Amino acid sequence: MTLNEAKVGKYYVIKKIIGKGALKRRIMDMGLTKATEVYVRKVAPLGDPLQLNTRGYELSLRKADAEIIEVEEVNK
């Protein structure tokens, strides 16, 4: 499953970042790296962007960027 398919109110762990080059580096610079836990807080009314909580801060991420992040749901 990719992060753009994630449900609001659920926790996920990043398994892999599929992209390469500048986009992958930008995603990783935001703190979204392998084995990082992410909470999907909400989605904007028109579906884009996603608002995430990770590493103690809030992050907004476009769905196009979230497509390259593979995640696995964590039961909490």
PDB file of N, CA and C in Angstrom:
ATOM      1  N   MET A   1       0.844  -1.169   0.000  1.00  0.00           N
ATOM      2  CA  MET A   1       0.000   0.000   0.000  1.00  0.00           C
ATOM      3  C   MET A   1       0.891   1.234   0.000  1.00  0.00           C
ATOM      4  N   THR A   2       0.451   2.274  -0.652  1.00  0.00           N
ATOM      5  CA  THR A   2       1.211   3.525  -0.650  1.00  0.00           C
ATOM      6  C   THR A   2       0.535   4.534   0.274  1.00  0.00           C
ATOM      7  N   LEU A   3       1.249   5.558   0.656  1.00  0.00           N
ATOM      8  CA  LEU A   3       0.752   6.534   1.623  1.00  0.00           C
ATOM      9  C   LEU A   3      -0.465   7.298   1.107  1.00  0.00           C
ATOM     10  N   ASN A   4      -0.590   7.474  -0.199  1.00  0.00           N
ATOM     11  CA  ASN A   4      -1.757   8.191  -0.706  1.00  0.00           C
ATOM     12  C   ASN A   4      -3.045   7.376  -0.564  1.00  0.00           C
ATOM     13  N   GLU A   5      -2.942   6.070  -0.298  1.00  0.00           N
ATOM     14  CA  GLU A   5      -4.108   5.207  -0.078  1.00  0.00           C
ATOM     15  C   GLU A   5      -4.439   5.063   1.407  1.00  0.00           C
ATOM     16  N   ALA A   6      -3.651   5.671   2.271  1.00  0.00           N
ATOM     17  CA  ALA A   6      -3.803   5.527   3.714  1.00  0.00           C
ATOM     18  C   ALA A   6      -5.102   6.159   4.199  1.00  0.00           C
ATOM     19  N   LYS A   7      -5.624   5.600   5.283  1.00  0.00           N
ATOM     20  CA  LYS A   7      -6.867   6.075   5.890  1.00  0.00           C
ATOM     21  C   LYS A   7      -6.566   7.070   7.010  1.00  0.00           C
ATOM     22  N   VAL A   8      -7.447   8.039   7.157  1.00  0.00           N
ATOM     23  CA  VAL A   8      -7.310   9.052   8.203  1.00  0.00           C
ATOM     24  C   VAL A   8      -7.492   8.388   9.570  1.00  0.00           C
ATOM     25  N   GLY A   9      -6.665   8.786  10.524  1.00  0.00           N
ATOM     26  CA  GLY A   9      -6.764   8.281  11.885  1.00  0.00           C
ATOM     27  C   GLY A   9      -6.007   6.989  12.131  1.00  0.00           C
ATOM     28  N   LYS A  10      -5.193   6.557  11.195  1.00  0.00           N
ATOM     29  CA  LYS A  10      -4.443   5.309  11.323  1.00  0.00           C
ATOM     30  C   LYS A  10      -2.944   5.601  11.382  1.00  0.00           C
ATOM     31  N   TYR A  11      -2.207   4.674  11.983  1.00  0.00           N
ATOM     32  CA  TYR A  11      -0.755   4.747  12.055  1.00  0.00           C
ATOM     33  C   TYR A  11      -0.148   3.818  11.005  1.00  0.00           C
ATOM     34  N   TYR A  12       0.946   4.248  10.415  1.00  0.00           N
ATOM     35  CA  TYR A  12       1.643   3.469   9.395  1.00  0.00           C
ATOM     36  C   TYR A  12       3.145   3.544   9.638  1.00  0.00           C
ATOM     37  N   VAL A  13       3.855   2.541   9.135  1.00  0.00           N
ATOM     38  CA  VAL A  13       5.319   2.540   9.163  1.00  0.00           C
ATOM     39  C   VAL A  13       5.791   2.534   7.718  1.00  0.00           C
ATOM     40  N   ILE A  14       6.747   3.388   7.417  1.00  0.00           N
ATOM     41  CA  ILE A  14       7.281   3.470   6.058  1.00  0.00           C
ATOM     42  C   ILE A  14       8.166   2.251   5.798  1.00  0.00           C
ATOM     43  N   LYS A  15       7.868   1.542   4.723  1.00  0.00           N
ATOM     44  CA  LYS A  15       8.635   0.359   4.346  1.00  0.00           C
ATOM     45  C   LYS A  15       9.688   0.685   3.287  1.00  0.00           C
ATOM     46  N   LYS A  16       9.340   1.570   2.352  1.00  0.00           N
ATOM     47  CA  LYS A  16      10.244   1.843   1.234  1.00  0.00           C
ATOM     48  C   LYS A  16       9.821   3.125   0.533  1.00  0.00           C
ATOM     49  N   ILE A  17      10.800   3.852   0.018  1.00  0.00           N
ATOM     50  CA  ILE A  17      10.523   5.006  -0.840  1.00  0.00           C
ATOM     51  C   ILE A  17      10.938   4.603  -2.244  1.00  0.00           C
ATOM     52  N   ILE A  18       9.963   4.545  -3.135  1.00  0.00           N
ATOM     53  CA  ILE A  18      10.157   3.978  -4.469  1.00  0.00           C
ATOM     54  C   ILE A  18      10.909   4.908  -5.420  1.00  0.00           C
ATOM     55  N   GLY A  19      10.702   6.193  -5.307  1.00  0.00           N
ATOM     56  CA  GLY A  19      11.276   7.146  -6.249  1.00  0.00           C
ATOM     57  C   GLY A  19      12.792   7.218  -6.196  1.00  0.00           C
ATOM     58  N   LYS A  20      13.331   8.078  -7.035  1.00  0.00           N
ATOM     59  CA  LYS A  20      14.770   8.312  -7.026  1.00  0.00           C
ATOM     60  C   LYS A  20      15.047   9.759  -7.377  1.00  0.00           C
ATOM     61  N   GLY A  21      16.261  10.162  -7.178  1.00  0.00           N
ATOM     62  CA  GLY A  21      16.665  11.513  -7.527  1.00  0.00           C
ATOM     63  C   GLY A  21      16.202  12.558  -6.528  1.00  0.00           C
ATOM     64  N   ALA A  22      15.899  13.741  -7.048  1.00  0.00           N
ATOM     65  CA  ALA A  22      15.585  14.895  -6.210  1.00  0.00           C
ATOM     66  C   ALA A  22      14.311  14.700  -5.392  1.00  0.00           C
ATOM     67  N   LEU A  23      13.301  14.053  -5.958  1.00  0.00           N
ATOM     68  CA  LEU A  23      12.050  13.842  -5.232  1.00  0.00           C
ATOM     69  C   LEU A  23      12.271  12.944  -4.014  1.00  0.00           C
ATOM     70  N   LYS A  24      12.996  11.865  -4.191  1.00  0.00           N
ATOM     71  CA  LYS A  24      13.286  10.959  -3.075  1.00  0.00           C
ATOM     72  C   LYS A  24      14.083  11.680  -1.999  1.00  0.00           C
ATOM     73  N   ARG A  25      15.074  12.461  -2.387  1.00  0.00           N
ATOM     74  CA  ARG A  25      15.898  13.207  -1.437  1.00  0.00           C
ATOM     75  C   ARG A  25      15.045  14.206  -0.663  1.00  0.00           C
ATOM     76  N   ARG A  26      14.129  14.891  -1.341  1.00  0.00           N
ATOM     77  CA  ARG A  26      13.264  15.876  -0.670  1.00  0.00           C
ATOM     78  C   ARG A  26      12.361  15.198   0.354  1.00  0.00           C
ATOM     79  N   ILE A  27      11.787  14.048  -0.015  1.00  0.00           N
ATOM     80  CA  ILE A  27      10.935  13.290   0.901  1.00  0.00           C
ATOM     81  C   ILE A  27      11.743  12.870   2.139  1.00  0.00           C
ATOM     82  N   MET A  28      12.945  12.378   1.911  1.00  0.00           N
ATOM     83  CA  MET A  28      13.784  11.935   3.025  1.00  0.00           C
ATOM     84  C   MET A  28      14.234  13.112   3.889  1.00  0.00           C
ATOM     85  N   ASP A  29      14.482  14.259   3.285  1.00  0.00           N
ATOM     86  CA  ASP A  29      14.874  15.449   4.040  1.00  0.00           C
ATOM     87  C   ASP A  29      13.751  15.947   4.951  1.00  0.00           C
ATOM     88  N   MET A  30      12.501  15.623   4.602  1.00  0.00           N
ATOM     89  CA  MET A  30      11.356  15.992   5.438  1.00  0.00           C
ATOM     90  C   MET A  30      11.213  15.057   6.640  1.00  0.00           C
ATOM     91  N   GLY A  31      12.053  14.036   6.722  1.00  0.00           N
ATOM     92  CA  GLY A  31      12.008  13.112   7.841  1.00  0.00           C
ATOM     93  C   GLY A  31      11.263  11.828   7.560  1.00  0.00           C
ATOM     94  N   LEU A  32      10.798  11.640   6.335  1.00  0.00           N
ATOM     95  CA  LEU A  32      10.079  10.426   5.967  1.00  0.00           C
ATOM     96  C   LEU A  32      11.076   9.409   5.431  1.00  0.00           C
ATOM     97  N   THR A  33      11.624   8.623   6.342  1.00  0.00           N
ATOM     98  CA  THR A  33      12.616   7.616   5.980  1.00  0.00           C
ATOM     99  C   THR A  33      12.106   6.233   6.369  1.00  0.00           C
ATOM    100  N   LYS A  34      12.805   5.216   5.920  1.00  0.00           N
ATOM    101  CA  LYS A  34      12.417   3.835   6.209  1.00  0.00           C
ATOM    102  C   LYS A  34      12.291   3.611   7.717  1.00  0.00           C
ATOM    103  N   ALA A  35      11.258   2.880   8.112  1.00  0.00           N
ATOM    104  CA  ALA A  35      10.956   2.513   9.504  1.00  0.00           C
ATOM    105  C   ALA A  35      10.424   3.672  10.348  1.00  0.00           C
ATOM    106  N   THR A  36      10.096   4.796   9.746  1.00  0.00           N
ATOM    107  CA  THR A  36       9.515   5.927  10.457  1.00  0.00           C
ATOM    108  C   THR A  36       8.016   5.715  10.601  1.00  0.00           C
ATOM    109  N   GLU A  37       7.498   5.990  11.798  1.00  0.00           N
ATOM    110  CA  GLU A  37       6.058   5.881  12.033  1.00  0.00           C
ATOM    111  C   GLU A  37       5.377   7.180  11.627  1.00  0.00           C
ATOM    112  N   VAL A  38       4.235   7.050  10.943  1.00  0.00           N
ATOM    113  CA  VAL A  38       3.488   8.199  10.437  1.00  0.00           C
ATOM    114  C   VAL A  38       2.030   8.049  10.849  1.00  0.00           C
ATOM    115  N   TYR A  39       1.428   9.135  11.337  1.00  0.00           N
ATOM    116  CA  TYR A  39       0.008   9.158  11.666  1.00  0.00           C
ATOM    117  C   TYR A  39      -0.683  10.061  10.643  1.00  0.00           C
ATOM    118  N   VAL A  40      -1.697   9.539   9.979  1.00  0.00           N
ATOM    119  CA  VAL A  40      -2.443  10.340   9.001  1.00  0.00           C
ATOM    120  C   VAL A  40      -3.514  11.108   9.766  1.00  0.00           C
ATOM    121  N   ARG A  41      -3.290  12.388   9.949  1.00  0.00           N
ATOM    122  CA  ARG A  41      -4.164  13.223  10.775  1.00  0.00           C
ATOM    123  C   ARG A  41      -5.432  13.619  10.043  1.00  0.00           C
ATOM    124  N   LYS A  42      -5.298  14.136   8.810  1.00  0.00           N
ATOM    125  CA  LYS A  42      -6.481  14.499   8.032  1.00  0.00           C
ATOM    126  C   LYS A  42      -6.112  14.688   6.577  1.00  0.00           C
ATOM    127  N   VAL A  43      -7.149  14.784   5.750  1.00  0.00           N
ATOM    128  CA  VAL A  43      -6.986  15.029   4.324  1.00  0.00           C
ATOM    129  C   VAL A  43      -7.785  16.279   3.995  1.00  0.00           C
ATOM    130  N   ALA A  44      -7.246  17.132   3.164  1.00  0.00           N
ATOM    131  CA  ALA A  44      -7.930  18.362   2.776  1.00  0.00           C
ATOM    132  C   ALA A  44      -9.275  18.042   2.115  1.00  0.00           C
ATOM    133  N   PRO A  45     -10.224  18.962   2.155  1.00  0.00           N
ATOM    134  CA  PRO A  45     -11.561  18.701   1.613  1.00  0.00           C
ATOM    135  C   PRO A  45     -11.594  18.201   0.166  1.00  0.00           C
ATOM    136  N   LEU A  46     -10.696  18.647  -0.662  1.00  0.00           N
ATOM    137  CA  LEU A  46     -10.676  18.186  -2.049  1.00  0.00           C
ATOM    138  C   LEU A  46      -9.742  16.991  -2.244  1.00  0.00           C
ATOM    139  N   GLY A  47      -9.234  16.429  -1.146  1.00  0.00           N
ATOM    140  CA  GLY A  47      -8.421  15.225  -1.212  1.00  0.00           C
ATOM    141  C   GLY A  47      -6.927  15.433  -1.310  1.00  0.00           C
ATOM    142  N   ASP A  48      -6.478  16.654  -1.409  1.00  0.00           N
ATOM    143  CA  ASP A  48      -5.056  16.911  -1.554  1.00  0.00           C
ATOM    144  C   ASP A  48      -4.723  18.222  -0.861  1.00  0.00           C
ATOM    145  N   PRO A  49      -3.804  18.322   0.027  1.00  0.00           N
ATOM    146  CA  PRO A  49      -2.785  17.379   0.475  1.00  0.00           C
ATOM    147  C   PRO A  49      -3.229  16.568   1.698  1.00  0.00           C
ATOM    148  N   LEU A  50      -2.334  15.669   2.124  1.00  0.00           N
ATOM    149  CA  LEU A  50      -2.506  14.899   3.358  1.00  0.00           C
ATOM    150  C   LEU A  50      -1.805  15.651   4.475  1.00  0.00           C
ATOM    151  N   GLN A  51      -2.360  15.585   5.680  1.00  0.00           N
ATOM    152  CA  GLN A  51      -1.651  16.155   6.825  1.00  0.00           C
ATOM    153  C   GLN A  51      -1.202  14.998   7.706  1.00  0.00           C
ATOM    154  N   LEU A  52       0.091  14.923   7.953  1.00  0.00           N
ATOM    155  CA  LEU A  52       0.693  13.818   8.678  1.00  0.00           C
ATOM    156  C   LEU A  52       1.358  14.309   9.955  1.00  0.00           C
ATOM    157  N   ASN A  53       1.439  13.432  10.937  1.00  0.00           N
ATOM    158  CA  ASN A  53       2.254  13.679  12.129  1.00  0.00           C
ATOM    159  C   ASN A  53       3.358  12.642  12.114  1.00  0.00           C
ATOM    160  N   THR A  54       4.593  13.096  12.211  1.00  0.00           N
ATOM    161  CA  THR A  54       5.734  12.197  12.258  1.00  0.00           C
ATOM    162  C   THR A  54       6.885  12.878  12.979  1.00  0.00           C
ATOM    163  N   ARG A  55       7.614  12.124  13.756  1.00  0.00           N
ATOM    164  CA  ARG A  55       8.793  12.624  14.472  1.00  0.00           C
ATOM    165  C   ARG A  55       8.512  13.888  15.284  1.00  0.00           C
ATOM    166  N   GLY A  56       7.292  14.023  15.804  1.00  0.00           N
ATOM    167  CA  GLY A  56       6.957  15.146  16.665  1.00  0.00           C
ATOM    168  C   GLY A  56       6.563  16.428  15.955  1.00  0.00           C
ATOM    169  N   TYR A  57       6.322  16.396  14.657  1.00  0.00           N
ATOM    170  CA  TYR A  57       5.873  17.601  13.963  1.00  0.00           C
ATOM    171  C   TYR A  57       4.823  17.249  12.917  1.00  0.00           C
ATOM    172  N   GLU A  58       4.116  18.284  12.454  1.00  0.00           N
ATOM    173  CA  GLU A  58       3.086  18.092  11.438  1.00  0.00           C
ATOM    174  C   GLU A  58       3.665  18.403  10.067  1.00  0.00           C
ATOM    175  N   LEU A  59       3.220  17.646   9.080  1.00  0.00           N
ATOM    176  CA  LEU A  59       3.746  17.762   7.734  1.00  0.00           C
ATOM    177  C   LEU A  59       2.597  17.636   6.744  1.00  0.00           C
ATOM    178  N   SER A  60       2.550  18.512   5.769  1.00  0.00           N
ATOM    179  CA  SER A  60       1.581  18.388   4.676  1.00  0.00           C
ATOM    180  C   SER A  60       2.311  17.849   3.462  1.00  0.00           C
ATOM    181  N   LEU A  61       1.685  16.873   2.813  1.00  0.00           N
ATOM    182  CA  LEU A  61       2.323  16.191   1.699  1.00  0.00           C
ATOM    183  C   LEU A  61       1.315  15.996   0.576  1.00  0.00           C
ATOM    184  N   ARG A  62       1.715  16.368  -0.636  1.00  0.00           N
ATOM    185  CA  ARG A  62       0.837  16.171  -1.796  1.00  0.00           C
ATOM    186  C   ARG A  62       0.634  14.687  -2.059  1.00  0.00           C
ATOM    187  N   LYS A  63      -0.549  14.334  -2.573  1.00  0.00           N
ATOM    188  CA  LYS A  63      -0.821  12.931  -2.887  1.00  0.00           C
ATOM    189  C   LYS A  63       0.126  12.413  -3.959  1.00  0.00           C
ATOM    190  N   ALA A  64       0.524  13.249  -4.895  1.00  0.00           N
ATOM    191  CA  ALA A  64       1.461  12.825  -5.936  1.00  0.00           C
ATOM    192  C   ALA A  64       2.797  12.399  -5.319  1.00  0.00           C
ATOM    193  N   ASP A  65       3.223  13.085  -4.261  1.00  0.00           N
ATOM    194  CA  ASP A  65       4.462  12.714  -3.570  1.00  0.00           C
ATOM    195  C   ASP A  65       4.244  11.487  -2.686  1.00  0.00           C
ATOM    196  N   ALA A  66       3.050  11.353  -2.113  1.00  0.00           N
ATOM    197  CA  ALA A  66       2.744  10.225  -1.239  1.00  0.00           C
ATOM    198  C   ALA A  66       2.668   8.906  -2.010  1.00  0.00           C
ATOM    199  N   GLU A  67       2.481   8.965  -3.318  1.00  0.00           N
ATOM    200  CA  GLU A  67       2.397   7.751  -4.138  1.00  0.00           C
ATOM    201  C   GLU A  67       3.687   6.948  -4.153  1.00  0.00           C
ATOM    202  N   ILE A  68       4.808   7.585  -3.901  1.00  0.00           N
ATOM    203  CA  ILE A  68       6.084   6.866  -3.979  1.00  0.00           C
ATOM    204  C   ILE A  68       6.531   6.295  -2.634  1.00  0.00           C
ATOM    205  N   ILE A  69       5.681   6.428  -1.601  1.00  0.00           N
ATOM    206  CA  ILE A  69       6.037   5.957  -0.265  1.00  0.00           C
ATOM    207  C   ILE A  69       5.210   4.714   0.066  1.00  0.00           C
ATOM    208  N   GLU A  70       5.871   3.563   0.172  1.00  0.00           N
ATOM    209  CA  GLU A  70       5.194   2.328   0.558  1.00  0.00           C
ATOM    210  C   GLU A  70       5.116   2.257   2.069  1.00  0.00           C
ATOM    211  N   VAL A  71       3.908   1.931   2.587  1.00  0.00           N
ATOM    212  CA  VAL A  71       3.695   1.860   4.022  1.00  0.00           C
ATOM    213  C   VAL A  71       2.987   0.568   4.407  1.00  0.00           C
ATOM    214  N   GLU A  72       3.036   0.297   5.698  1.00  0.00           N
ATOM    215  CA  GLU A  72       2.317  -0.843   6.272  1.00  0.00           C
ATOM    216  C   GLU A  72       1.597  -0.345   7.514  1.00  0.00           C
ATOM    217  N   GLU A  73       0.339  -0.734   7.672  1.00  0.00           N
ATOM    218  CA  GLU A  73      -0.458  -0.267   8.817  1.00  0.00           C
ATOM    219  C   GLU A  73       0.047  -0.882  10.114  1.00  0.00           C
ATOM    220  N   VAL A  74       0.014  -0.062  11.165  1.00  0.00           N
ATOM    221  CA  VAL A  74       0.421  -0.489  12.508  1.00  0.00           C
ATOM    222  C   VAL A  74      -0.831  -0.463  13.377  1.00  0.00           C
ATOM    223  N   ASN A  75      -1.085  -1.516  14.125  1.00  0.00           N
ATOM    224  CA  ASN A  75      -2.237  -1.545  15.029  1.00  0.00           C
ATOM    225  C   ASN A  75      -1.855  -0.941  16.363  1.00  0.00           C
ATOM    226  N   LYS A  76      -2.585   0.108  16.738  1.00  0.00           N
ATOM    227  CA  LYS A  76      -2.347   0.777  18.037  1.00  0.00           C
ATOM    228  C   LYS A  76      -3.637   0.887  18.776  1.00  0.00           C
TER     229      LYS A  76
END
